[in-house]
Amino acid sequence: MGVSNGSGVLRDISLDIGNEEVLRRLRMSTDGYQHSSEMRELFRATVEEGRRLIAPAAVCMTRELLSIQDAVVRFRGTGFHVRSSGVAALLEGCTSATLMAATIGPALSSAMDELMAGKRMTEAMIMDAFGSEAVEGAVNSLCRLLQESDVGRESVSTRRFSPGYGDWDLSAQREVLEELGAGRIGISISSSLILIPEKSITAIMGWKPKK
């Protein structure tokens, strides 16, 4: 299923994650990485394993805005709403918005846990950084596809905004997942509001008519 109309499920998302991005997330200089053959090989092997483990997938739903009043955003055709002055400000002037969720699956997090249990902390840190870049890459790929979709051709997108930022309470992730049917791509949430798999993202992005 594609997202030509601004909603749908994406699987087998192709990601191009460069070493530079992972090194930057690790706050490791490229020079230091290049000068240590041992670190270079450890990094290469760990990232290669990370690429093998990830299974990027995303789901999104675009709905017409019904109203924005008293920091509450309501959508046409659903009882789902967002209570946040930050989201309300983001969507001011928008005619619709897209809810989204993306994940890279559970295998990488499981491998990272095994590395930590084995006290292989450097590899675990590299795997964690790669996973973070991968899930960001997955949601960015979804946003690019949405911008090329029917809704994107007629509108200009806002930045994306996630639960847990500003005054959009982290607990809102549960309602976002339910509204999206995110179980279709294997995302759930724990009682402590941690997304499962851990390397997953939920967000909203608005659409303003092109001038």
C-alpha atoms as a PDB file:
ATOM      1  CA  MET A   1       0.000   0.000   0.000  1.00  0.00           C
ATOM      2  CA  GLY A   2       1.337   3.443  -0.911  1.00  0.00           C
ATOM      3  CA  VAL A   3       0.573   6.940   0.354  1.00  0.00           C
ATOM      4  CA  SER A   4      -0.554   8.596  -2.893  1.00  0.00           C
ATOM      5  CA  ASN A   5      -3.615  10.054  -1.130  1.00  0.00           C
ATOM      6  CA  GLY A   6      -1.750  10.933   2.081  1.00  0.00           C
ATOM      7  CA  SER A   7      -2.682   7.777   3.996  1.00  0.00           C
ATOM      8  CA  GLY A   8      -1.468   4.192   4.023  1.00  0.00           C
ATOM      9  CA  VAL A   9       1.239   1.754   5.073  1.00  0.00           C
ATOM     10  CA  LEU A  10       4.794   1.621   3.763  1.00  0.00           C
ATOM     11  CA  ARG A  11       7.134  -1.344   4.104  1.00  0.00           C
ATOM     12  CA  ASP A  12      10.606  -2.159   2.813  1.00  0.00           C
ATOM     13  CA  ILE A  13      11.598   1.515   2.947  1.00  0.00           C
ATOM     14  CA  SER A  14      14.969   2.042   1.303  1.00  0.00           C
ATOM     15  CA  LEU A  15      17.337   3.990   3.578  1.00  0.00           C
ATOM     16  CA  ASP A  16      20.663   5.617   2.752  1.00  0.00           C
ATOM     17  CA  ILE A  17      22.407   6.116   6.092  1.00  0.00           C
ATOM     18  CA  GLY A  18      25.965   7.391   5.773  1.00  0.00           C
ATOM     19  CA  ASN A  19      28.730   6.727   8.269  1.00  0.00           C
ATOM     20  CA  GLU A  20      29.060  10.470   8.831  1.00  0.00           C
ATOM     21  CA  GLU A  21      25.543  10.709  10.278  1.00  0.00           C
ATOM     22  CA  VAL A  22      26.148   7.843  12.689  1.00  0.00           C
ATOM     23  CA  LEU A  23      29.523   9.261  13.743  1.00  0.00           C
ATOM     24  CA  ARG A  24      27.928  12.660  14.301  1.00  0.00           C
ATOM     25  CA  ARG A  25      25.274  11.137  16.549  1.00  0.00           C
ATOM     26  CA  LEU A  26      28.051   9.396  18.475  1.00  0.00           C
ATOM     27  CA  ARG A  27      29.876  12.748  18.715  1.00  0.00           C
ATOM     28  CA  MET A  28      32.887  11.001  17.268  1.00  0.00           C
ATOM     29  CA  SER A  29      35.159  12.972  14.954  1.00  0.00           C
ATOM     30  CA  THR A  30      35.775  11.607  11.474  1.00  0.00           C
ATOM     31  CA  ASP A  31      39.520  12.108  12.004  1.00  0.00           C
ATOM     32  CA  GLY A  32      39.568   9.991  15.150  1.00  0.00           C
ATOM     33  CA  TYR A  33      37.580   7.306  13.411  1.00  0.00           C
ATOM     34  CA  GLN A  34      39.946   7.259  10.430  1.00  0.00           C
ATOM     35  CA  HIS A  35      43.092   7.119  12.538  1.00  0.00           C
ATOM     36  CA  SER A  36      42.106   4.006  14.479  1.00  0.00           C
ATOM     37  CA  SER A  37      41.997   0.867  12.339  1.00  0.00           C
ATOM     38  CA  GLU A  38      40.536  -1.121  15.244  1.00  0.00           C
ATOM     39  CA  MET A  39      37.705   1.349  15.780  1.00  0.00           C
ATOM     40  CA  ARG A  40      37.132   1.627  12.052  1.00  0.00           C
ATOM     41  CA  GLU A  41      36.647  -2.129  11.720  1.00  0.00           C
ATOM     42  CA  LEU A  42      34.447  -2.321  14.834  1.00  0.00           C
ATOM     43  CA  PHE A  43      32.301   0.511  13.503  1.00  0.00           C
ATOM     44  CA  ARG A  44      32.039  -1.021  10.029  1.00  0.00           C
ATOM     45  CA  ALA A  45      31.052  -4.461  11.326  1.00  0.00           C
ATOM     46  CA  THR A  46      28.495  -3.083  13.785  1.00  0.00           C
ATOM     47  CA  VAL A  47      26.835  -0.787  11.240  1.00  0.00           C
ATOM     48  CA  GLU A  48      26.770  -3.595   8.682  1.00  0.00           C
ATOM     49  CA  GLU A  49      24.994  -5.794  11.221  1.00  0.00           C
ATOM     50  CA  GLY A  50      22.581  -2.953  11.963  1.00  0.00           C
ATOM     51  CA  ARG A  51      21.710  -2.637   8.276  1.00  0.00           C
ATOM     52  CA  ARG A  52      20.949  -6.345   8.188  1.00  0.00           C
ATOM     53  CA  LEU A  53      18.673  -6.174  11.229  1.00  0.00           C
ATOM     54  CA  ILE A  54      16.429  -3.218  10.445  1.00  0.00           C
ATOM     55  CA  ALA A  55      13.002  -3.596   8.852  1.00  0.00           C
ATOM     56  CA  PRO A  56      11.759  -0.017   8.282  1.00  0.00           C
ATOM     57  CA  ALA A  57       8.000   0.507   8.058  1.00  0.00           C
ATOM     58  CA  ALA A  58       5.642   3.445   8.435  1.00  0.00           C
ATOM     59  CA  VAL A  59       1.934   4.214   8.601  1.00  0.00           C
ATOM     60  CA  CYS A  60       0.170   7.547   8.107  1.00  0.00           C
ATOM     61  CA  MET A  61      -3.300   9.066   7.976  1.00  0.00           C
ATOM     62  CA  THR A  62      -4.221  12.472   6.559  1.00  0.00           C
ATOM     63  CA  ARG A  63      -7.395  14.142   7.809  1.00  0.00           C
ATOM     64  CA  GLU A  64      -9.080  17.454   7.139  1.00  0.00           C
ATOM     65  CA  LEU A  65      -8.975  19.894  10.046  1.00  0.00           C
ATOM     66  CA  LEU A  66     -12.362  20.655  11.595  1.00  0.00           C
ATOM     67  CA  SER A  67     -11.433  23.298  14.168  1.00  0.00           C
ATOM     68  CA  ILE A  68      -8.629  24.753  16.288  1.00  0.00           C
ATOM     69  CA  GLN A  69      -9.969  26.328  19.453  1.00  0.00           C
ATOM     70  CA  ASP A  70      -8.609  26.757  22.993  1.00  0.00           C
ATOM     71  CA  ALA A  71      -5.451  24.765  22.088  1.00  0.00           C
ATOM     72  CA  VAL A  72      -7.558  21.790  20.946  1.00  0.00           C
ATOM     73  CA  VAL A  73      -7.247  20.552  17.365  1.00  0.00           C
ATOM     74  CA  ARG A  74     -10.171  18.542  16.007  1.00  0.00           C
ATOM     75  CA  PHE A  75     -10.380  16.596  12.758  1.00  0.00           C
ATOM     76  CA  ARG A  76     -13.252  15.846  10.434  1.00  0.00           C
ATOM     77  CA  GLY A  77     -14.598  12.292  10.528  1.00  0.00           C
ATOM     78  CA  THR A  78     -13.066  11.155  13.839  1.00  0.00           C
ATOM     79  CA  GLY A  79     -13.311  11.742  17.569  1.00  0.00           C
ATOM     80  CA  PHE A  80      -9.524  11.843  17.799  1.00  0.00           C
ATOM     81  CA  HIS A  81      -8.181  15.254  18.816  1.00  0.00           C
ATOM     82  CA  VAL A  82      -4.940  16.879  19.915  1.00  0.00           C
ATOM     83  CA  ARG A  83      -4.775  19.026  23.047  1.00  0.00           C
ATOM     84  CA  SER A  84      -1.632  21.168  22.710  1.00  0.00           C
ATOM     85  CA  SER A  85      -0.982  24.866  22.165  1.00  0.00           C
ATOM     86  CA  GLY A  86       2.218  23.898  20.325  1.00  0.00           C
ATOM     87  CA  VAL A  87       0.377  21.702  17.828  1.00  0.00           C
ATOM     88  CA  ALA A  88      -2.411  24.285  17.514  1.00  0.00           C
ATOM     89  CA  ALA A  89       0.172  26.940  16.614  1.00  0.00           C
ATOM     90  CA  LEU A  90       1.894  24.579  14.178  1.00  0.00           C
ATOM     91  CA  LEU A  91      -1.370  23.858  12.362  1.00  0.00           C
ATOM     92  CA  GLU A  92      -2.624  27.448  12.237  1.00  0.00           C
ATOM     93  CA  GLY A  93      -3.576  28.156   8.625  1.00  0.00           C
ATOM     94  CA  CYS A  94      -3.529  24.478   7.679  1.00  0.00           C
ATOM     95  CA  THR A  95      -6.469  22.733   6.037  1.00  0.00           C
ATOM     96  CA  SER A  96      -5.363  19.182   6.890  1.00  0.00           C
ATOM     97  CA  ALA A  97      -2.769  17.272   8.871  1.00  0.00           C
ATOM     98  CA  THR A  98      -1.040  13.907   8.696  1.00  0.00           C
ATOM     99  CA  LEU A  99      -0.541  11.657  11.696  1.00  0.00           C
ATOM    100  CA  MET A 100       2.365   9.259  11.257  1.00  0.00           C
ATOM    101  CA  ALA A 101       4.367   6.533  12.923  1.00  0.00           C
ATOM    102  CA  ALA A 102       7.561   4.830  11.813  1.00  0.00           C
ATOM    103  CA  THR A 103       9.715   2.019  13.149  1.00  0.00           C
ATOM    104  CA  ILE A 104      12.723  -0.084  12.201  1.00  0.00           C
ATOM    105  CA  GLY A 105      11.375  -3.193  13.930  1.00  0.00           C
ATOM    106  CA  PRO A 106      12.505  -4.994  17.099  1.00  0.00           C
ATOM    107  CA  ALA A 107      15.576  -6.917  15.922  1.00  0.00           C
ATOM    108  CA  LEU A 108      18.106  -4.118  16.285  1.00  0.00           C
ATOM    109  CA  SER A 109      17.017  -3.258  19.843  1.00  0.00           C
ATOM    110  CA  SER A 110      17.241  -6.931  20.799  1.00  0.00           C
ATOM    111  CA  ALA A 111      20.774  -7.112  19.388  1.00  0.00           C
ATOM    112  CA  MET A 112      21.709  -3.954  21.289  1.00  0.00           C
ATOM    113  CA  ASP A 113      20.410  -5.462  24.540  1.00  0.00           C
ATOM    114  CA  GLU A 114      22.529  -8.550  23.931  1.00  0.00           C
ATOM    115  CA  LEU A 115      25.610  -6.406  23.337  1.00  0.00           C
ATOM    116  CA  MET A 116      25.005  -4.527  26.585  1.00  0.00           C
ATOM    117  CA  ALA A 117      24.449  -7.759  28.490  1.00  0.00           C
ATOM    118  CA  GLY A 118      27.796  -8.959  27.124  1.00  0.00           C
ATOM    119  CA  LYS A 119      29.498  -5.723  28.267  1.00  0.00           C
ATOM    120  CA  ARG A 120      30.245  -4.824  24.638  1.00  0.00           C
ATOM    121  CA  MET A 121      29.360  -1.226  25.298  1.00  0.00           C
ATOM    122  CA  THR A 122      31.136   0.387  22.342  1.00  0.00           C
ATOM    123  CA  GLU A 123      29.283  -1.827  19.882  1.00  0.00           C
ATOM    124  CA  ALA A 124      26.017  -1.197  21.739  1.00  0.00           C
ATOM    125  CA  MET A 125      26.549   2.565  21.450  1.00  0.00           C
ATOM    126  CA  ILE A 126      27.277   2.300  17.729  1.00  0.00           C
ATOM    127  CA  MET A 127      24.212   0.096  17.215  1.00  0.00           C
ATOM    128  CA  ASP A 128      22.065   2.549  19.178  1.00  0.00           C
ATOM    129  CA  ALA A 129      23.289   5.507  17.123  1.00  0.00           C
ATOM    130  CA  PHE A 130      22.717   3.654  13.874  1.00  0.00           C
ATOM    131  CA  GLY A 131      19.201   2.696  14.966  1.00  0.00           C
ATOM    132  CA  SER A 132      18.353   6.293  15.835  1.00  0.00           C
ATOM    133  CA  GLU A 133      19.554   7.471  12.420  1.00  0.00           C
ATOM    134  CA  ALA A 134      17.639   4.648  10.735  1.00  0.00           C
ATOM    135  CA  VAL A 135      14.263   5.458  12.313  1.00  0.00           C
ATOM    136  CA  GLU A 136      14.764   9.167  11.579  1.00  0.00           C
ATOM    137  CA  GLY A 137      15.559   8.145   8.015  1.00  0.00           C
ATOM    138  CA  ALA A 138      12.364   6.090   7.826  1.00  0.00           C
ATOM    139  CA  VAL A 139      10.100   8.937   8.954  1.00  0.00           C
ATOM    140  CA  ASN A 140      11.952  11.414   6.722  1.00  0.00           C
ATOM    141  CA  SER A 141      11.424   9.082   3.757  1.00  0.00           C
ATOM    142  CA  LEU A 142       7.710   8.976   4.591  1.00  0.00           C
ATOM    143  CA  CYS A 143       7.562  12.789   4.739  1.00  0.00           C
ATOM    144  CA  ARG A 144       9.257  13.063   1.341  1.00  0.00           C
ATOM    145  CA  LEU A 145       6.766  10.624  -0.170  1.00  0.00           C
ATOM    146  CA  LEU A 146       3.885  12.577   1.360  1.00  0.00           C
ATOM    147  CA  GLN A 147       5.244  15.773  -0.173  1.00  0.00           C
ATOM    148  CA  GLU A 148       5.146  14.003  -3.562  1.00  0.00           C
ATOM    149  CA  SER A 149       1.616  12.649  -2.962  1.00  0.00           C
ATOM    150  CA  ASP A 150      -1.709  14.184  -3.995  1.00  0.00           C
ATOM    151  CA  VAL A 151      -1.910  16.203  -0.778  1.00  0.00           C
ATOM    152  CA  GLY A 152       1.702  17.382  -1.120  1.00  0.00           C
ATOM    153  CA  ARG A 153       1.247  18.579  -4.679  1.00  0.00           C
ATOM    154  CA  GLU A 154      -1.560  20.868  -3.560  1.00  0.00           C
ATOM    155  CA  SER A 155      -0.108  21.998  -0.219  1.00  0.00           C
ATOM    156  CA  VAL A 156       3.034  23.026   1.640  1.00  0.00           C
ATOM    157  CA  SER A 157       3.993  20.954   4.665  1.00  0.00           C
ATOM    158  CA  THR A 158       4.874  22.220   8.123  1.00  0.00           C
ATOM    159  CA  ARG A 159       7.655  20.683  10.165  1.00  0.00           C
ATOM    160  CA  ARG A 160       6.719  17.565  12.090  1.00  0.00           C
ATOM    161  CA  PHE A 161       5.935  17.628  15.812  1.00  0.00           C
ATOM    162  CA  SER A 162       5.928  14.648  18.190  1.00  0.00           C
ATOM    163  CA  PRO A 163       4.221  13.830  21.491  1.00  0.00           C
ATOM    164  CA  GLY A 164       6.524  14.664  24.376  1.00  0.00           C
ATOM    165  CA  TYR A 165       7.649  17.963  22.835  1.00  0.00           C
ATOM    166  CA  GLY A 166       6.366  21.274  24.144  1.00  0.00           C
ATOM    167  CA  ASP A 167       2.995  20.838  25.814  1.00  0.00           C
ATOM    168  CA  TRP A 168       1.855  17.832  23.747  1.00  0.00           C
ATOM    169  CA  ASP A 169       1.837  15.247  26.493  1.00  0.00           C
ATOM    170  CA  LEU A 170       3.774  12.036  25.917  1.00  0.00           C
ATOM    171  CA  SER A 171       0.666  10.061  26.879  1.00  0.00           C
ATOM    172  CA  ALA A 172      -0.886  11.224  23.582  1.00  0.00           C
ATOM    173  CA  GLN A 173       1.220   8.592  21.831  1.00  0.00           C
ATOM    174  CA  ARG A 174      -1.318   5.964  22.870  1.00  0.00           C
ATOM    175  CA  GLU A 175      -4.195   7.753  21.088  1.00  0.00           C
ATOM    176  CA  VAL A 176      -2.015   8.452  18.038  1.00  0.00           C
ATOM    177  CA  LEU A 177      -1.130   4.762  17.717  1.00  0.00           C
ATOM    178  CA  GLU A 178      -4.778   3.749  18.091  1.00  0.00           C
ATOM    179  CA  GLU A 179      -5.955   6.284  15.504  1.00  0.00           C
ATOM    180  CA  LEU A 180      -3.305   5.099  13.034  1.00  0.00           C
ATOM    181  CA  GLY A 181      -3.793   1.395  13.677  1.00  0.00           C
ATOM    182  CA  ALA A 182      -0.043   1.280  14.184  1.00  0.00           C
ATOM    183  CA  GLY A 183      -0.221  -2.349  15.261  1.00  0.00           C
ATOM    184  CA  ARG A 184      -0.267  -3.033  11.528  1.00  0.00           C
ATOM    185  CA  ILE A 185       3.455  -2.254  11.465  1.00  0.00           C
ATOM    186  CA  GLY A 186       4.151  -3.772  14.874  1.00  0.00           C
ATOM    187  CA  ILE A 187       4.210  -0.644  17.074  1.00  0.00           C
ATOM    188  CA  SER A 188       2.686  -0.720  20.550  1.00  0.00           C
ATOM    189  CA  ILE A 189       3.271   1.200  23.783  1.00  0.00           C
ATOM    190  CA  SER A 190       4.190   0.157  27.307  1.00  0.00           C
ATOM    191  CA  SER A 191       2.434   1.177  30.516  1.00  0.00           C
ATOM    192  CA  SER A 192       5.315   3.630  31.074  1.00  0.00           C
ATOM    193  CA  LEU A 193       4.646   5.239  27.655  1.00  0.00           C
ATOM    194  CA  ILE A 194       7.717   3.769  25.948  1.00  0.00           C
ATOM    195  CA  LEU A 195       7.173   2.881  22.300  1.00  0.00           C
ATOM    196  CA  ILE A 196       7.743  -0.756  21.374  1.00  0.00           C
ATOM    197  CA  PRO A 197       9.939  -1.305  19.373  1.00  0.00           C
ATOM    198  CA  GLU A 198      12.033   1.347  21.076  1.00  0.00           C
ATOM    199  CA  LYS A 199      13.314   2.738  17.766  1.00  0.00           C
ATOM    200  CA  SER A 200       9.940   4.114  16.704  1.00  0.00           C
ATOM    201  CA  ILE A 201       8.567   7.623  16.172  1.00  0.00           C
ATOM    202  CA  THR A 202       5.082   9.181  16.208  1.00  0.00           C
ATOM    203  CA  ALA A 203       4.410  12.665  14.854  1.00  0.00           C
ATOM    204  CA  ILE A 204       1.998  15.071  13.177  1.00  0.00           C
ATOM    205  CA  MET A 205       2.616  17.345  10.193  1.00  0.00           C
ATOM    206  CA  GLY A 206       0.289  20.002   8.794  1.00  0.00           C
ATOM    207  CA  TRP A 207      -0.584  21.061   5.241  1.00  0.00           C
ATOM    208  CA  LYS A 208      -1.149  24.649   4.139  1.00  0.00           C
ATOM    209  CA  PRO A 209      -2.590  25.510   0.708  1.00  0.00           C
ATOM    210  CA  LYS A 210      -0.001  26.681  -1.808  1.00  0.00           C
ATOM    211  CA  LYS A 211      -0.273  30.401  -2.570  1.00  0.00           C
END
